Amino acid sequence: MILRSLPANLSRLLEALSSPGVRAKGTGPSSLRGRFVCLTRCSPAGLCLSLGMPVHTVLLSKPILWAKPRSMVAWGTDIILWCQGPSGVEMYRLEHLDSPSDYKDQPGLPRPEAGARFPLGGALADAAGRYRCSYRNGSYWSQPSNQLELVVTDLYDKPSFSILPGTEVSSGENVTFSCSSRFGFNMFAITKEGRTGIWRTQEGRPPVHFPIPEVTSSHKGTYQCYGFDSDFPYLWTAPSEPLELRVKGAPTSPHISPEKLDIPTGPPSQDYTVSNLVRLVLAGLIVVALGGFLAEAWQAWRAEFHLLSGAPFQAPGPTVPQEKGLPPQ
């Protein structure tokens, strides 16, 4: 009755929105999951009717974003960001989160490829920062990817870096990394060769110290130090001179060169023949012993059965040889 009293066009709109087959079409990368459409109609007497209709959305899986050659590059290095989603995607969007109006759209690569390529050119100061990507299929947008932090280095001279008490220490000894710069940065980071990302970050006035109590074999390796300002967290200095930390007395796993490995390529060695024969003999003895135990158990069962039934039991004796042509005795 209430719908009939409303204007015809509004009634049709409410009926359409109430239909389970209706899905809201997105207009951008933001997800509309959990939102409602609210329609209000007021009469001249001041009575109002409000209806909230849930918005149904199609949720697409989020893509993967990575940087090539890496997410930490020196000033001027050509860099490409790749956004990967399912195959057959119509369009990808890359957003630079530190510049809200800065985004780029690229069509998805033809099948069987899955993704889009976003060349940024030479890495300059304005290229550093946080990125994310999403993709569109039809009128629906996917969830955004995880954020990627692009760091541009070599904007300032390298800092000084030292290891105290020295680069060669004993296992269990306390070690301190010290990093300093003449530019007065308030943030310093240390990276370790072979490890993805930043190993450790420390805030403070230079020189900044990174204490490492009781070093172990896991701490040995080559390290470098960077400096930057907390107001510009993605613009770093050039890397310091690399320093290798060596830990004495730490257990190490033996390294065998591939050239020294003797990998047989022909038939198995004959050295296994004797051991195989021994195994076969032992297996035969076990089978014979089990057979004897079973035979003894069978005889005992037969004797007990005849005693219970009252029938005489005669254990099998030696067979008397019969002469050819004579009846048995």
C-alpha atoms as a PDB file:
ATOM      1  CA  MET A   1       0.000   0.000   0.000  1.00  0.00           C
ATOM      2  CA  ILE A   2       2.814   2.356   0.754  1.00  0.00           C
ATOM      3  CA  LEU A   3       4.435   1.755  -2.611  1.00  0.00           C
ATOM      4  CA  ARG A   4       1.171   2.502  -4.393  1.00  0.00           C
ATOM      5  CA  SER A   5       0.898   5.906  -2.722  1.00  0.00           C
ATOM      6  CA  LEU A   6       4.352   6.896  -3.975  1.00  0.00           C
ATOM      7  CA  PRO A   7       4.960   8.317  -7.438  1.00  0.00           C
ATOM      8  CA  ALA A   8       5.032   5.668 -10.122  1.00  0.00           C
ATOM      9  CA  ASN A   9       8.640   6.262 -11.087  1.00  0.00           C
ATOM     10  CA  LEU A  10       9.816   5.976  -7.464  1.00  0.00           C
ATOM     11  CA  SER A  11       7.827   2.776  -6.999  1.00  0.00           C
ATOM     12  CA  ARG A  12       9.437   1.251 -10.042  1.00  0.00           C
ATOM     13  CA  LEU A  13      12.870   2.283  -8.789  1.00  0.00           C
ATOM     14  CA  LEU A  14      12.267   0.668  -5.394  1.00  0.00           C
ATOM     15  CA  GLU A  15      11.002  -2.512  -7.000  1.00  0.00           C
ATOM     16  CA  ALA A  16      14.043  -2.637  -9.271  1.00  0.00           C
ATOM     17  CA  LEU A  17      16.418  -2.136  -6.349  1.00  0.00           C
ATOM     18  CA  SER A  18      14.622  -4.854  -4.392  1.00  0.00           C
ATOM     19  CA  SER A  19      15.207  -7.378  -7.156  1.00  0.00           C
ATOM     20  CA  PRO A  20      17.839  -9.983  -6.134  1.00  0.00           C
ATOM     21  CA  GLY A  21      19.361  -9.872  -9.599  1.00  0.00           C
ATOM     22  CA  VAL A  22      20.322  -6.199  -9.340  1.00  0.00           C
ATOM     23  CA  ARG A  23      24.060  -5.505  -8.813  1.00  0.00           C
ATOM     24  CA  ALA A  24      25.649  -2.156  -8.267  1.00  0.00           C
ATOM     25  CA  LYS A  25      28.210  -1.181 -10.849  1.00  0.00           C
ATOM     26  CA  GLY A  26      31.358   0.453  -9.558  1.00  0.00           C
ATOM     27  CA  THR A  27      32.830   3.609 -10.986  1.00  0.00           C
ATOM     28  CA  GLY A  28      36.324   3.361  -9.579  1.00  0.00           C
ATOM     29  CA  PRO A  29      38.813   1.165  -7.754  1.00  0.00           C
ATOM     30  CA  SER A  30      37.121   1.616  -4.366  1.00  0.00           C
ATOM     31  CA  SER A  31      35.023  -1.330  -3.201  1.00  0.00           C
ATOM     32  CA  LEU A  32      31.338  -0.749  -2.399  1.00  0.00           C
ATOM     33  CA  ARG A  33      30.933  -3.841  -0.254  1.00  0.00           C
ATOM     34  CA  GLY A  34      28.705  -3.245   2.788  1.00  0.00           C
ATOM     35  CA  ARG A  35      27.247   0.061   1.590  1.00  0.00           C
ATOM     36  CA  PHE A  36      23.548   0.949   1.258  1.00  0.00           C
ATOM     37  CA  VAL A  37      21.418   3.085  -1.041  1.00  0.00           C
ATOM     38  CA  CYS A  38      19.019   5.203   1.043  1.00  0.00           C
ATOM     39  CA  LEU A  39      15.818   6.557  -0.553  1.00  0.00           C
ATOM     40  CA  THR A  40      13.607   9.023   1.348  1.00  0.00           C
ATOM     41  CA  ARG A  41      10.120  10.304   0.463  1.00  0.00           C
ATOM     42  CA  CYS A  42       8.312  12.939   2.573  1.00  0.00           C
ATOM     43  CA  SER A  43       4.608  13.827   2.441  1.00  0.00           C
ATOM     44  CA  PRO A  44       3.253  17.415   2.776  1.00  0.00           C
ATOM     45  CA  ALA A  45       2.232  16.553   6.349  1.00  0.00           C
ATOM     46  CA  GLY A  46       5.884  15.996   7.249  1.00  0.00           C
ATOM     47  CA  LEU A  47       5.809  12.201   7.313  1.00  0.00           C
ATOM     48  CA  CYS A  48       8.837  10.653   5.676  1.00  0.00           C
ATOM     49  CA  LEU A  49       9.563   7.147   4.454  1.00  0.00           C
ATOM     50  CA  SER A  50      13.180   5.981   4.207  1.00  0.00           C
ATOM     51  CA  LEU A  51      14.236   2.715   2.649  1.00  0.00           C
ATOM     52  CA  GLY A  52      17.798   1.394   2.794  1.00  0.00           C
ATOM     53  CA  MET A  53      18.708  -1.115   0.136  1.00  0.00           C
ATOM     54  CA  PRO A  54      21.985  -3.074   0.341  1.00  0.00           C
ATOM     55  CA  VAL A  55      24.330  -2.758  -2.608  1.00  0.00           C
ATOM     56  CA  HIS A  56      25.473  -6.076  -4.069  1.00  0.00           C
ATOM     57  CA  THR A  57      28.982  -6.093  -5.518  1.00  0.00           C
ATOM     58  CA  VAL A  58      31.182  -8.537  -7.380  1.00  0.00           C
ATOM     59  CA  LEU A  59      34.456  -8.899  -5.438  1.00  0.00           C
ATOM     60  CA  LEU A  60      37.468  -9.618  -7.625  1.00  0.00           C
ATOM     61  CA  SER A  61      40.725 -10.949  -6.240  1.00  0.00           C
ATOM     62  CA  LYS A  62      43.478  -8.386  -5.730  1.00  0.00           C
ATOM     63  CA  PRO A  63      46.401  -8.287  -8.171  1.00  0.00           C
ATOM     64  CA  ILE A  64      50.132  -8.490  -7.424  1.00  0.00           C
ATOM     65  CA  LEU A  65      52.399  -5.458  -7.880  1.00  0.00           C
ATOM     66  CA  TRP A  66      56.188  -5.628  -8.169  1.00  0.00           C
ATOM     67  CA  ALA A  67      59.057  -3.493  -9.459  1.00  0.00           C
ATOM     68  CA  LYS A  68      61.691  -4.388 -12.011  1.00  0.00           C
ATOM     69  CA  PRO A  69      64.637  -4.500 -11.511  1.00  0.00           C
ATOM     70  CA  ARG A  70      63.805  -3.970  -7.789  1.00  0.00           C
ATOM     71  CA  SER A  71      61.950  -1.658  -5.417  1.00  0.00           C
ATOM     72  CA  MET A  72      65.173   0.118  -4.320  1.00  0.00           C
ATOM     73  CA  VAL A  73      67.000   1.720  -7.266  1.00  0.00           C
ATOM     74  CA  ALA A  74      69.652   4.333  -7.785  1.00  0.00           C
ATOM     75  CA  TRP A  75      68.811   7.752  -9.203  1.00  0.00           C
ATOM     76  CA  GLY A  76      68.198   7.608 -12.965  1.00  0.00           C
ATOM     77  CA  THR A  77      67.728   3.836 -13.186  1.00  0.00           C
ATOM     78  CA  ASP A  78      65.005   2.776 -15.615  1.00  0.00           C
ATOM     79  CA  ILE A  79      62.209   1.130 -13.651  1.00  0.00           C
ATOM     80  CA  ILE A  80      59.044  -0.707 -14.634  1.00  0.00           C
ATOM     81  CA  LEU A  81      56.122  -1.549 -12.366  1.00  0.00           C
ATOM     82  CA  TRP A  82      54.183  -4.701 -13.212  1.00  0.00           C
ATOM     83  CA  CYS A  83      50.617  -5.359 -12.120  1.00  0.00           C
ATOM     84  CA  GLN A  84      49.498  -8.965 -12.486  1.00  0.00           C
ATOM     85  CA  GLY A  85      45.929 -10.234 -12.316  1.00  0.00           C
ATOM     86  CA  PRO A  86      43.947 -13.009 -14.002  1.00  0.00           C
ATOM     87  CA  SER A  87      44.148 -13.457 -17.751  1.00  0.00           C
ATOM     88  CA  GLY A  88      41.679 -11.579 -19.924  1.00  0.00           C
ATOM     89  CA  VAL A  89      41.565  -8.392 -17.816  1.00  0.00           C
ATOM     90  CA  GLU A  90      40.368  -5.355 -19.762  1.00  0.00           C
ATOM     91  CA  MET A  91      42.243  -2.581 -17.938  1.00  0.00           C
ATOM     92  CA  TYR A  92      44.741  -2.036 -15.132  1.00  0.00           C
ATOM     93  CA  ARG A  93      45.199   1.104 -13.047  1.00  0.00           C
ATOM     94  CA  LEU A  94      48.376   2.161 -11.213  1.00  0.00           C
ATOM     95  CA  GLU A  95      47.993   4.730  -8.421  1.00  0.00           C
ATOM     96  CA  HIS A  96      50.752   6.817  -6.861  1.00  0.00           C
ATOM     97  CA  LEU A  97      49.399   7.166  -3.334  1.00  0.00           C
ATOM     98  CA  ASP A  98      51.624  10.117  -2.440  1.00  0.00           C
ATOM     99  CA  SER A  99      50.047  12.033  -5.338  1.00  0.00           C
ATOM    100  CA  PRO A 100      46.289  11.294  -5.174  1.00  0.00           C
ATOM    101  CA  SER A 101      45.567  12.636  -8.659  1.00  0.00           C
ATOM    102  CA  ASP A 102      48.481  10.702 -10.195  1.00  0.00           C
ATOM    103  CA  TYR A 103      47.307   7.454 -11.775  1.00  0.00           C
ATOM    104  CA  LYS A 104      47.844   5.619 -15.042  1.00  0.00           C
ATOM    105  CA  ASP A 105      45.615   3.207 -16.957  1.00  0.00           C
ATOM    106  CA  GLN A 106      46.917   0.448 -19.207  1.00  0.00           C
ATOM    107  CA  PRO A 107      45.021  -2.238 -21.136  1.00  0.00           C
ATOM    108  CA  GLY A 108      45.670  -5.808 -20.072  1.00  0.00           C
ATOM    109  CA  LEU A 109      48.122  -7.801 -22.156  1.00  0.00           C
ATOM    110  CA  PRO A 110      46.555 -10.228 -24.653  1.00  0.00           C
ATOM    111  CA  ARG A 111      46.104 -13.856 -23.656  1.00  0.00           C
ATOM    112  CA  PRO A 112      47.800 -15.949 -22.415  1.00  0.00           C
ATOM    113  CA  GLU A 113      49.640 -13.100 -20.664  1.00  0.00           C
ATOM    114  CA  ALA A 114      48.155 -11.784 -17.427  1.00  0.00           C
ATOM    115  CA  GLY A 115      49.101  -8.279 -16.331  1.00  0.00           C
ATOM    116  CA  ALA A 116      50.059  -4.799 -17.433  1.00  0.00           C
ATOM    117  CA  ARG A 117      53.374  -2.989 -17.754  1.00  0.00           C
ATOM    118  CA  PHE A 118      53.835   0.534 -16.360  1.00  0.00           C
ATOM    119  CA  PRO A 119      57.215   2.035 -17.379  1.00  0.00           C
ATOM    120  CA  LEU A 120      58.233   4.924 -15.123  1.00  0.00           C
ATOM    121  CA  GLY A 121      61.373   5.850 -17.037  1.00  0.00           C
ATOM    122  CA  GLY A 122      64.439   6.987 -15.125  1.00  0.00           C
ATOM    123  CA  ALA A 123      63.900   6.925 -11.349  1.00  0.00           C
ATOM    124  CA  LEU A 124      63.792  10.551 -10.150  1.00  0.00           C
ATOM    125  CA  ALA A 125      62.676  12.117  -6.894  1.00  0.00           C
ATOM    126  CA  ASP A 126      59.041  12.395  -7.974  1.00  0.00           C
ATOM    127  CA  ALA A 127      58.927   8.653  -8.801  1.00  0.00           C
ATOM    128  CA  ALA A 128      59.676   7.600  -5.208  1.00  0.00           C
ATOM    129  CA  GLY A 129      56.840   6.711  -2.881  1.00  0.00           C
ATOM    130  CA  ARG A 130      53.962   4.291  -2.393  1.00  0.00           C
ATOM    131  CA  TYR A 131      52.113   2.579  -5.234  1.00  0.00           C
ATOM    132  CA  ARG A 132      49.214   0.210  -5.621  1.00  0.00           C
ATOM    133  CA  CYS A 133      47.304  -1.200  -8.578  1.00  0.00           C
ATOM    134  CA  SER A 134      43.904  -2.645  -9.402  1.00  0.00           C
ATOM    135  CA  TYR A 135      42.122  -3.963 -12.470  1.00  0.00           C
ATOM    136  CA  ARG A 136      38.686  -3.686 -14.044  1.00  0.00           C
ATOM    137  CA  ASN A 137      36.543  -6.364 -15.639  1.00  0.00           C
ATOM    138  CA  GLY A 138      33.376  -4.979 -17.176  1.00  0.00           C
ATOM    139  CA  SER A 139      32.086  -2.377 -14.730  1.00  0.00           C
ATOM    140  CA  TYR A 140      33.638  -3.979 -11.641  1.00  0.00           C
ATOM    141  CA  TRP A 141      36.939  -3.082  -9.995  1.00  0.00           C
ATOM    142  CA  SER A 142      39.150  -5.486  -8.112  1.00  0.00           C
ATOM    143  CA  GLN A 143      40.465  -4.994  -4.641  1.00  0.00           C
ATOM    144  CA  PRO A 144      43.706  -2.977  -4.634  1.00  0.00           C
ATOM    145  CA  SER A 145      47.035  -4.747  -4.463  1.00  0.00           C
ATOM    146  CA  ASN A 146      49.374  -4.563  -1.506  1.00  0.00           C
ATOM    147  CA  GLN A 147      51.343  -1.327  -1.386  1.00  0.00           C
ATOM    148  CA  LEU A 148      54.764  -1.206  -2.984  1.00  0.00           C
ATOM    149  CA  GLU A 149      57.312   1.272  -1.594  1.00  0.00           C
ATOM    150  CA  LEU A 150      59.704   2.543  -4.244  1.00  0.00           C
ATOM    151  CA  VAL A 151      62.945   3.936  -2.777  1.00  0.00           C
ATOM    152  CA  VAL A 152      65.305   6.081  -4.872  1.00  0.00           C
ATOM    153  CA  THR A 153      68.898   6.224  -3.627  1.00  0.00           C
ATOM    154  CA  ASP A 154      72.047   8.191  -4.523  1.00  0.00           C
ATOM    155  CA  LEU A 155      70.437  11.606  -3.975  1.00  0.00           C
ATOM    156  CA  TYR A 156      73.161  12.482  -1.422  1.00  0.00           C
ATOM    157  CA  ASP A 157      76.721  11.427  -0.720  1.00  0.00           C
ATOM    158  CA  LYS A 158      77.239   8.123   1.046  1.00  0.00           C
ATOM    159  CA  PRO A 159      77.345   8.063   4.864  1.00  0.00           C
ATOM    160  CA  SER A 160      80.198   6.720   6.981  1.00  0.00           C
ATOM    161  CA  PHE A 161      79.768   3.220   8.337  1.00  0.00           C
ATOM    162  CA  SER A 162      81.725   1.241  10.918  1.00  0.00           C
ATOM    163  CA  ILE A 163      81.460  -1.938  13.002  1.00  0.00           C
ATOM    164  CA  LEU A 164      82.614  -1.931  16.621  1.00  0.00           C
ATOM    165  CA  PRO A 165      84.769  -3.477  18.024  1.00  0.00           C
ATOM    166  CA  GLY A 166      85.720  -4.719  14.533  1.00  0.00           C
ATOM    167  CA  THR A 167      84.640  -6.630  11.480  1.00  0.00           C
ATOM    168  CA  GLU A 168      85.923  -9.937  12.908  1.00  0.00           C
ATOM    169  CA  VAL A 169      84.442 -10.985  16.253  1.00  0.00           C
ATOM    170  CA  SER A 170      83.866 -14.167  18.239  1.00  0.00           C
ATOM    171  CA  SER A 171      80.524 -15.895  18.531  1.00  0.00           C
ATOM    172  CA  GLY A 172      78.572 -14.528  21.508  1.00  0.00           C
ATOM    173  CA  GLU A 173      80.363 -11.164  21.468  1.00  0.00           C
ATOM    174  CA  ASN A 174      78.437  -7.868  21.422  1.00  0.00           C
ATOM    175  CA  VAL A 175      78.681  -5.825  18.224  1.00  0.00           C
ATOM    176  CA  THR A 176      77.554  -2.288  17.340  1.00  0.00           C
ATOM    177  CA  PHE A 177      76.971  -0.888  13.855  1.00  0.00           C
ATOM    178  CA  SER A 178      77.529   2.872  13.627  1.00  0.00           C
ATOM    179  CA  CYS A 179      76.218   5.074  10.814  1.00  0.00           C
ATOM    180  CA  SER A 180      76.696   8.827  10.352  1.00  0.00           C
ATOM    181  CA  SER A 181      76.257  11.520   7.685  1.00  0.00           C
ATOM    182  CA  ARG A 182      77.404  15.125   7.394  1.00  0.00           C
ATOM    183  CA  PHE A 183      73.933  16.106   6.140  1.00  0.00           C
ATOM    184  CA  GLY A 184      72.343  15.613   9.535  1.00  0.00           C
ATOM    185  CA  PHE A 185      69.694  13.058   8.600  1.00  0.00           C
ATOM    186  CA  ASN A 186      67.521  11.766  11.436  1.00  0.00           C
ATOM    187  CA  MET A 187      66.880   8.286   9.993  1.00  0.00           C
ATOM    188  CA  PHE A 188      69.322   5.548   9.048  1.00  0.00           C
ATOM    189  CA  ALA A 189      68.790   2.111   7.542  1.00  0.00           C
ATOM    190  CA  ILE A 190      71.026  -0.919   7.152  1.00  0.00           C
ATOM    191  CA  THR A 191      70.694  -3.516   4.423  1.00  0.00           C
ATOM    192  CA  LYS A 192      72.244  -6.983   4.320  1.00  0.00           C
ATOM    193  CA  GLU A 193      73.493  -8.628   1.164  1.00  0.00           C
ATOM    194  CA  GLY A 194      71.287 -11.493   0.073  1.00  0.00           C
ATOM    195  CA  ARG A 195      68.339 -10.322   2.171  1.00  0.00           C
ATOM    196  CA  THR A 196      65.290  -8.697   0.573  1.00  0.00           C
ATOM    197  CA  GLY A 197      64.309  -5.313   1.981  1.00  0.00           C
ATOM    198  CA  ILE A 198      65.699  -3.327   4.900  1.00  0.00           C
ATOM    199  CA  TRP A 199      67.529  -5.224   7.609  1.00  0.00           C
ATOM    200  CA  ARG A 200      67.104  -2.593  10.331  1.00  0.00           C
ATOM    201  CA  THR A 201      66.069   1.077  10.708  1.00  0.00           C
ATOM    202  CA  GLN A 202      67.030   3.476  13.502  1.00  0.00           C
ATOM    203  CA  GLU A 203      66.020   7.061  14.291  1.00  0.00           C
ATOM    204  CA  GLY A 204      68.282   9.574  15.998  1.00  0.00           C
ATOM    205  CA  ARG A 205      70.946  12.209  15.609  1.00  0.00           C
ATOM    206  CA  PRO A 206      74.147  10.985  13.933  1.00  0.00           C
ATOM    207  CA  PRO A 207      76.077   8.958  14.681  1.00  0.00           C
ATOM    208  CA  VAL A 208      73.304   6.379  15.107  1.00  0.00           C
ATOM    209  CA  HIS A 209      74.177   3.046  16.705  1.00  0.00           C
ATOM    210  CA  PHE A 210      72.668  -0.368  15.972  1.00  0.00           C
ATOM    211  CA  PRO A 211      73.533  -2.695  18.882  1.00  0.00           C
ATOM    212  CA  ILE A 212      73.642  -6.452  18.234  1.00  0.00           C
ATOM    213  CA  PRO A 213      74.055  -8.442  21.461  1.00  0.00           C
ATOM    214  CA  GLU A 214      75.647 -11.896  21.329  1.00  0.00           C
ATOM    215  CA  VAL A 215      76.232 -12.336  17.623  1.00  0.00           C
ATOM    216  CA  THR A 216      75.825 -15.765  16.050  1.00  0.00           C
ATOM    217  CA  SER A 217      76.602 -17.270  12.681  1.00  0.00           C
ATOM    218  CA  SER A 218      73.315 -15.838  11.349  1.00  0.00           C
ATOM    219  CA  HIS A 219      74.748 -12.304  11.722  1.00  0.00           C
ATOM    220  CA  LYS A 220      77.747 -12.820   9.490  1.00  0.00           C
ATOM    221  CA  GLY A 221      77.510 -11.210   6.073  1.00  0.00           C
ATOM    222  CA  THR A 222      78.002  -7.961   4.168  1.00  0.00           C
ATOM    223  CA  TYR A 223      76.170  -4.802   5.289  1.00  0.00           C
ATOM    224  CA  GLN A 224      75.637  -1.256   3.980  1.00  0.00           C
ATOM    225  CA  CYS A 225      74.210   1.884   5.567  1.00  0.00           C
ATOM    226  CA  TYR A 226      71.864   4.589   4.158  1.00  0.00           C
ATOM    227  CA  GLY A 227      70.662   7.916   5.544  1.00  0.00           C
ATOM    228  CA  PHE A 228      67.410   9.797   4.876  1.00  0.00           C
ATOM    229  CA  ASP A 229      65.063  12.380   6.358  1.00  0.00           C
ATOM    230  CA  SER A 230      61.819  11.241   8.007  1.00  0.00           C
ATOM    231  CA  ASP A 231      59.914  13.899   6.026  1.00  0.00           C
ATOM    232  CA  PHE A 232      61.104  12.262   2.771  1.00  0.00           C
ATOM    233  CA  PRO A 233      61.250   8.566   3.692  1.00  0.00           C
ATOM    234  CA  TYR A 234      61.758   7.302   0.113  1.00  0.00           C
ATOM    235  CA  LEU A 235      64.699   9.537  -0.904  1.00  0.00           C
ATOM    236  CA  TRP A 236      67.937   8.018   0.399  1.00  0.00           C
ATOM    237  CA  THR A 237      71.632   8.677   0.250  1.00  0.00           C
ATOM    238  CA  ALA A 238      74.053   6.600  -1.758  1.00  0.00           C
ATOM    239  CA  PRO A 239      75.011   3.363   0.021  1.00  0.00           C
ATOM    240  CA  SER A 240      77.991   3.393   2.343  1.00  0.00           C
ATOM    241  CA  GLU A 241      81.063   1.294   1.693  1.00  0.00           C
ATOM    242  CA  PRO A 242      80.152  -2.374   2.273  1.00  0.00           C
ATOM    243  CA  LEU A 243      81.507  -3.994   5.426  1.00  0.00           C
ATOM    244  CA  GLU A 244      81.673  -7.756   5.976  1.00  0.00           C
ATOM    245  CA  LEU A 245      81.076  -9.063   9.474  1.00  0.00           C
ATOM    246  CA  ARG A 246      82.951 -12.304  10.182  1.00  0.00           C
ATOM    247  CA  VAL A 247      82.028 -14.408  13.215  1.00  0.00           C
ATOM    248  CA  LYS A 248      84.731 -16.743  14.590  1.00  0.00           C
ATOM    249  CA  GLY A 249      83.839 -19.929  16.418  1.00  0.00           C
ATOM    250  CA  ALA A 250      80.379 -20.116  14.880  1.00  0.00           C
ATOM    251  CA  PRO A 251      79.372 -23.565  13.614  1.00  0.00           C
ATOM    252  CA  THR A 252      79.315 -23.705   9.865  1.00  0.00           C
ATOM    253  CA  SER A 253      77.776 -26.302   7.611  1.00  0.00           C
ATOM    254  CA  PRO A 254      80.333 -28.067   5.369  1.00  0.00           C
ATOM    255  CA  HIS A 255      80.343 -26.919   1.781  1.00  0.00           C
ATOM    256  CA  ILE A 256      80.871 -29.600  -0.826  1.00  0.00           C
ATOM    257  CA  SER A 257      81.802 -28.466  -4.266  1.00  0.00           C
ATOM    258  CA  PRO A 258      79.667 -29.957  -7.032  1.00  0.00           C
ATOM    259  CA  GLU A 259      82.853 -30.966  -8.868  1.00  0.00           C
ATOM    260  CA  LYS A 260      83.846 -33.190  -5.925  1.00  0.00           C
ATOM    261  CA  LEU A 261      80.560 -35.049  -5.767  1.00  0.00           C
ATOM    262  CA  ASP A 262      80.875 -38.630  -7.056  1.00  0.00           C
ATOM    263  CA  ILE A 263      77.465 -39.293  -8.559  1.00  0.00           C
ATOM    264  CA  PRO A 264      77.218 -42.788 -10.145  1.00  0.00           C
ATOM    265  CA  THR A 265      75.712 -42.813 -13.617  1.00  0.00           C
ATOM    266  CA  GLY A 266      76.044 -46.554 -14.439  1.00  0.00           C
ATOM    267  CA  PRO A 267      74.601 -49.693 -12.818  1.00  0.00           C
ATOM    268  CA  PRO A 268      74.670 -50.045  -9.012  1.00  0.00           C
ATOM    269  CA  SER A 269      77.996 -50.900  -7.435  1.00  0.00           C
ATOM    270  CA  GLN A 270      78.758 -54.600  -6.734  1.00  0.00           C
ATOM    271  CA  ASP A 271      79.618 -53.729  -3.127  1.00  0.00           C
ATOM    272  CA  TYR A 272      75.945 -54.228  -2.273  1.00  0.00           C
ATOM    273  CA  THR A 273      75.976 -57.935  -3.280  1.00  0.00           C
ATOM    274  CA  VAL A 274      77.214 -59.335   0.058  1.00  0.00           C
ATOM    275  CA  SER A 275      74.819 -57.261   2.136  1.00  0.00           C
ATOM    276  CA  ASN A 276      71.913 -58.288  -0.092  1.00  0.00           C
ATOM    277  CA  LEU A 277      72.805 -61.988   0.276  1.00  0.00           C
ATOM    278  CA  VAL A 278      72.949 -61.625   4.053  1.00  0.00           C
ATOM    279  CA  ARG A 279      69.511 -60.018   4.043  1.00  0.00           C
ATOM    280  CA  LEU A 280      68.099 -62.869   1.905  1.00  0.00           C
ATOM    281  CA  VAL A 281      69.560 -65.583   4.204  1.00  0.00           C
ATOM    282  CA  LEU A 282      68.145 -63.886   7.295  1.00  0.00           C
ATOM    283  CA  ALA A 283      64.759 -63.588   5.630  1.00  0.00           C
ATOM    284  CA  GLY A 284      64.831 -67.322   4.777  1.00  0.00           C
ATOM    285  CA  LEU A 285      65.696 -68.295   8.361  1.00  0.00           C
ATOM    286  CA  ILE A 286      62.827 -66.188   9.654  1.00  0.00           C
ATOM    287  CA  VAL A 287      60.398 -67.895   7.245  1.00  0.00           C
ATOM    288  CA  VAL A 288      61.617 -71.388   8.315  1.00  0.00           C
ATOM    289  CA  ALA A 289      61.283 -70.496  11.999  1.00  0.00           C
ATOM    290  CA  LEU A 290      57.761 -69.188  11.492  1.00  0.00           C
ATOM    291  CA  GLY A 291      56.860 -72.374   9.604  1.00  0.00           C
ATOM    292  CA  GLY A 292      58.083 -74.523  12.522  1.00  0.00           C
ATOM    293  CA  PHE A 293      56.090 -72.497  15.030  1.00  0.00           C
ATOM    294  CA  LEU A 294      52.948 -72.810  12.915  1.00  0.00           C
ATOM    295  CA  ALA A 295      53.362 -76.596  12.501  1.00  0.00           C
ATOM    296  CA  GLU A 296      53.829 -77.071  16.252  1.00  0.00           C
ATOM    297  CA  ALA A 297      50.786 -74.943  16.973  1.00  0.00           C
ATOM    298  CA  TRP A 298      48.732 -76.986  14.481  1.00  0.00           C
ATOM    299  CA  GLN A 299      49.682 -80.288  16.115  1.00  0.00           C
ATOM    300  CA  ALA A 300      48.811 -78.962  19.564  1.00  0.00           C
ATOM    301  CA  TRP A 301      45.420 -77.784  18.309  1.00  0.00           C
ATOM    302  CA  ARG A 302      44.642 -81.198  16.738  1.00  0.00           C
ATOM    303  CA  ALA A 303      45.545 -83.047  19.944  1.00  0.00           C
ATOM    304  CA  GLU A 304      43.331 -80.790  22.020  1.00  0.00           C
ATOM    305  CA  PHE A 305      40.445 -81.198  19.546  1.00  0.00           C
ATOM    306  CA  HIS A 306      40.570 -85.052  19.675  1.00  0.00           C
ATOM    307  CA  LEU A 307      40.734 -85.066  23.461  1.00  0.00           C
ATOM    308  CA  LEU A 308      37.631 -82.928  23.685  1.00  0.00           C
ATOM    309  CA  SER A 309      35.748 -85.030  21.105  1.00  0.00           C
ATOM    310  CA  GLY A 310      36.769 -88.423  22.665  1.00  0.00           C
ATOM    311  CA  ALA A 311      38.359 -89.666  19.461  1.00  0.00           C
ATOM    312  CA  PRO A 312      41.787 -91.282  19.716  1.00  0.00           C
ATOM    313  CA  PHE A 313      44.556 -89.216  18.409  1.00  0.00           C
ATOM    314  CA  GLN A 314      47.591 -90.792  16.816  1.00  0.00           C
ATOM    315  CA  ALA A 315      50.519 -88.664  15.981  1.00  0.00           C
ATOM    316  CA  PRO A 316      51.824 -89.329  12.530  1.00  0.00           C
ATOM    317  CA  GLY A 317      54.720 -91.793  12.602  1.00  0.00           C
ATOM    318  CA  PRO A 318      57.255 -92.922  10.066  1.00  0.00           C
ATOM    319  CA  THR A 319      55.810 -94.458   6.938  1.00  0.00           C
ATOM    320  CA  VAL A 320      56.505 -98.216   6.545  1.00  0.00           C
ATOM    321  CA  PRO A 321      57.938 -98.913   3.126  1.00  0.00           C
ATOM    322  CA  GLN A 322      55.689-101.157   1.001  1.00  0.00           C
ATOM    323  CA  GLU A 323      56.965-103.854  -1.286  1.00  0.00           C
ATOM    324  CA  LYS A 324      55.705-103.636  -4.802  1.00  0.00           C
ATOM    325  CA  GLY A 325      52.689-105.981  -5.415  1.00  0.00           C
ATOM    326  CA  LEU A 326      51.936-106.686  -1.710  1.00  0.00           C
ATOM    327  CA  PRO A 327      48.842-105.384   0.079  1.00  0.00           C
ATOM    328  CA  PRO A 328      49.468-102.918   2.847  1.00  0.00           C
ATOM    329  CA  GLN A 329      49.791-104.415   6.378  1.00  0.00           C
END
